[in-house]
Every structure is written in C-alpha cells, then in structure tokens.
Amino acid sequence: MGDLIDLSGYRLNFSEEFDNLRLTGPGGGLWKTEGYWGSRTLPGNGERQLYVDAGYNNLGIDPFRVENGVLTIRAEPMAPELKAKSGSLAYTSGMITSE
C-alpha cells in the first residue's frame, strides 16, 4: 500500500449523502433536473433521450430513486403513447446538476 495523503490542509466544500433527493422548485432544493442551457436533451450530439423528472410535462415518469444513500437514475425506452409529448425521442432518463 502507498503512502497516505495528508488532507489536513484541505477543507470540504460540498457533500451529498443522498438521504433524500432535494430537487429545485418552489420549496428550494439543491439539484436541478435540466442544464443551464434550459433544454431537456442534447440534440447537437445526436442524443435520443429526454431528461425528465416527476413533474415534467405531466409524463408521469420519475427516473430517480434514492435508497440507502445511493441515487439511481434510470434510462428507459419512451412509452409510445408519450412520444408526441416528448418530441418523439426514443428514451427517457434523468440528470442532476448543482450548476
């Protein structure tokens, strides 16, 4: 095993234990579910997914789960009946950013 790193000169600036998911909204929150660009997808790179959250466009999709301090973000095929509301993208997923 190598030498230990001396962390005594460092200060913790950010920590997230994921005991719950604090999304931004009317009550505040830490995590945004869209990027600074305001879009829910990145068409410039040929992406075929829509980044959603539980309240997005009444789709009824929540890709986020928090369990035992672990955040899981699922990507799944878009339900055919929702494609018209989602720009005909093939998949849904989620993203978080503290920006």
C-alpha atoms as a PDB file:
ATOM      1  CA  MET A   1       0.000   0.000   0.000  1.00  0.00           C
ATOM      2  CA  GLY A   2       1.273   3.506  -0.808  1.00  0.00           C
ATOM      3  CA  ASP A   3       1.786   6.478   1.425  1.00  0.00           C
ATOM      4  CA  LEU A   4      -1.293   8.127   2.899  1.00  0.00           C
ATOM      5  CA  ILE A   5      -2.211  11.544   1.549  1.00  0.00           C
ATOM      6  CA  ASP A   6      -2.110  14.373   4.072  1.00  0.00           C
ATOM      7  CA  LEU A   7      -5.524  16.044   3.891  1.00  0.00           C
ATOM      8  CA  SER A   8      -5.037  18.340   6.883  1.00  0.00           C
ATOM      9  CA  GLY A   9      -4.739  21.417   4.625  1.00  0.00           C
ATOM     10  CA  TYR A  10      -7.963  20.680   2.776  1.00  0.00           C
ATOM     11  CA  ARG A  11     -11.490  21.837   3.578  1.00  0.00           C
ATOM     12  CA  LEU A  12     -14.682  20.061   2.486  1.00  0.00           C
ATOM     13  CA  ASN A  13     -16.732  22.392   0.266  1.00  0.00           C
ATOM     14  CA  PHE A  14     -19.545  20.092  -0.821  1.00  0.00           C
ATOM     15  CA  SER A  15     -21.029  16.834   0.388  1.00  0.00           C
ATOM     16  CA  GLU A  16     -24.181  14.922  -0.505  1.00  0.00           C
ATOM     17  CA  GLU A  17     -25.246  11.830   1.387  1.00  0.00           C
ATOM     18  CA  PHE A  18     -28.374  11.208  -0.744  1.00  0.00           C
ATOM     19  CA  ASP A  19     -30.590  10.551   2.245  1.00  0.00           C
ATOM     20  CA  ASN A  20     -33.251  12.145   0.031  1.00  0.00           C
ATOM     21  CA  LEU A  21     -33.239  13.888  -3.341  1.00  0.00           C
ATOM     22  CA  ARG A  22     -33.621  17.645  -2.953  1.00  0.00           C
ATOM     23  CA  LEU A  23     -34.676  18.886  -6.388  1.00  0.00           C
ATOM     24  CA  THR A  24     -35.014  22.608  -7.043  1.00  0.00           C
ATOM     25  CA  GLY A  25     -38.517  24.013  -7.126  1.00  0.00           C
ATOM     26  CA  PRO A  26     -40.870  26.225  -5.130  1.00  0.00           C
ATOM     27  CA  GLY A  27     -39.555  24.912  -1.814  1.00  0.00           C
ATOM     28  CA  GLY A  28     -35.899  25.286  -2.747  1.00  0.00           C
ATOM     29  CA  GLY A  29     -33.563  22.389  -3.302  1.00  0.00           C
ATOM     30  CA  LEU A  30     -30.028  21.529  -4.284  1.00  0.00           C
ATOM     31  CA  TRP A  31     -30.250  19.715  -7.613  1.00  0.00           C
ATOM     32  CA  LYS A  32     -31.577  20.988 -10.941  1.00  0.00           C
ATOM     33  CA  THR A  33     -33.004  18.476 -13.429  1.00  0.00           C
ATOM     34  CA  GLU A  34     -32.087  20.444 -16.534  1.00  0.00           C
ATOM     35  CA  GLY A  35     -28.860  22.020 -17.637  1.00  0.00           C
ATOM     36  CA  TYR A  36     -28.006  25.705 -17.745  1.00  0.00           C
ATOM     37  CA  TRP A  37     -28.980  25.687 -21.419  1.00  0.00           C
ATOM     38  CA  GLY A  38     -32.632  25.080 -20.383  1.00  0.00           C
ATOM     39  CA  SER A  39     -33.075  22.131 -22.702  1.00  0.00           C
ATOM     40  CA  ARG A  40     -34.063  18.617 -21.705  1.00  0.00           C
ATOM     41  CA  THR A  41     -31.948  16.924 -24.370  1.00  0.00           C
ATOM     42  CA  LEU A  42     -28.710  17.485 -26.273  1.00  0.00           C
ATOM     43  CA  PRO A  43     -29.618  17.264 -29.977  1.00  0.00           C
ATOM     44  CA  GLY A  44     -26.190  18.514 -31.068  1.00  0.00           C
ATOM     45  CA  ASN A  45     -24.601  15.176 -30.231  1.00  0.00           C
ATOM     46  CA  GLY A  46     -27.358  13.013 -31.731  1.00  0.00           C
ATOM     47  CA  GLU A  47     -28.763  12.136 -28.342  1.00  0.00           C
ATOM     48  CA  ARG A  48     -32.095  10.305 -28.397  1.00  0.00           C
ATOM     49  CA  GLN A  49     -33.175  10.771 -24.781  1.00  0.00           C
ATOM     50  CA  LEU A  50     -35.276  13.263 -22.898  1.00  0.00           C
ATOM     51  CA  TYR A  51     -34.168  14.237 -19.391  1.00  0.00           C
ATOM     52  CA  VAL A  52     -37.277  14.223 -17.179  1.00  0.00           C
ATOM     53  CA  ASP A  53     -38.294  14.471 -13.543  1.00  0.00           C
ATOM     54  CA  ALA A  54     -41.523  13.504 -11.799  1.00  0.00           C
ATOM     55  CA  GLY A  55     -43.212  16.826 -12.607  1.00  0.00           C
ATOM     56  CA  TYR A  56     -42.030  17.289 -16.180  1.00  0.00           C
ATOM     57  CA  ASN A  57     -44.807  17.851 -18.743  1.00  0.00           C
ATOM     58  CA  ASN A  58     -47.233  15.534 -16.896  1.00  0.00           C
ATOM     59  CA  LEU A  59     -45.481  12.483 -18.339  1.00  0.00           C
ATOM     60  CA  GLY A  60     -45.744  10.563 -15.063  1.00  0.00           C
ATOM     61  CA  ILE A  61     -42.123   9.402 -15.264  1.00  0.00           C
ATOM     62  CA  ASP A  62     -39.717   9.634 -12.340  1.00  0.00           C
ATOM     63  CA  PRO A  63     -36.255   8.287 -13.237  1.00  0.00           C
ATOM     64  CA  PHE A  64     -34.826   8.979  -9.751  1.00  0.00           C
ATOM     65  CA  ARG A  65     -34.665   6.589  -6.803  1.00  0.00           C
ATOM     66  CA  VAL A  66     -32.788   7.082  -3.530  1.00  0.00           C
ATOM     67  CA  GLU A  67     -32.214   4.065  -1.340  1.00  0.00           C
ATOM     68  CA  ASN A  68     -29.668   3.570   1.435  1.00  0.00           C
ATOM     69  CA  GLY A  69     -27.727   6.679   0.433  1.00  0.00           C
ATOM     70  CA  VAL A  70     -27.472   5.690  -3.238  1.00  0.00           C
ATOM     71  CA  LEU A  71     -29.019   7.737  -6.054  1.00  0.00           C
ATOM     72  CA  THR A  72     -30.047   5.706  -9.092  1.00  0.00           C
ATOM     73  CA  ILE A  73     -31.063   7.399 -12.350  1.00  0.00           C
ATOM     74  CA  ARG A  74     -32.783   5.084 -14.823  1.00  0.00           C
ATOM     75  CA  ALA A  75     -32.867   5.325 -18.605  1.00  0.00           C
ATOM     76  CA  GLU A  76     -35.780   3.532 -20.246  1.00  0.00           C
ATOM     77  CA  PRO A  77     -37.468   3.337 -23.643  1.00  0.00           C
ATOM     78  CA  MET A  78     -40.097   6.042 -24.152  1.00  0.00           C
ATOM     79  CA  ALA A  79     -43.644   4.692 -23.992  1.00  0.00           C
ATOM     80  CA  PRO A  80     -45.198   5.026 -27.483  1.00  0.00           C
ATOM     81  CA  GLU A  81     -48.177   6.997 -26.147  1.00  0.00           C
ATOM     82  CA  LEU A  82     -45.814   9.643 -24.697  1.00  0.00           C
ATOM     83  CA  LYS A  83     -43.689  10.262 -27.787  1.00  0.00           C
ATOM     84  CA  ALA A  84     -45.937  13.101 -29.014  1.00  0.00           C
ATOM     85  CA  LYS A  85     -45.377  14.960 -25.705  1.00  0.00           C
ATOM     86  CA  SER A  86     -41.633  14.374 -25.804  1.00  0.00           C
ATOM     87  CA  GLY A  87     -40.517  15.388 -29.271  1.00  0.00           C
ATOM     88  CA  SER A  88     -40.565  11.763 -30.460  1.00  0.00           C
ATOM     89  CA  LEU A  89     -37.370  10.886 -28.611  1.00  0.00           C
ATOM     90  CA  ALA A  90     -36.754   7.178 -28.060  1.00  0.00           C
ATOM     91  CA  TYR A  91     -35.689   7.184 -24.383  1.00  0.00           C
ATOM     92  CA  THR A  92     -36.235   8.929 -21.063  1.00  0.00           C
ATOM     93  CA  SER A  93     -33.623   9.451 -18.419  1.00  0.00           C
ATOM     94  CA  GLY A  94     -32.788  11.968 -15.742  1.00  0.00           C
ATOM     95  CA  MET A  95     -29.963  14.327 -14.997  1.00  0.00           C
ATOM     96  CA  ILE A  96     -28.989  16.385 -11.998  1.00  0.00           C
ATOM     97  CA  THR A  97     -26.693  19.338 -11.756  1.00  0.00           C
ATOM     98  CA  SER A  98     -25.819  21.694  -8.950  1.00  0.00           C
ATOM     99  CA  GLU A  99     -24.536  24.180 -11.540  1.00  0.00           C
END
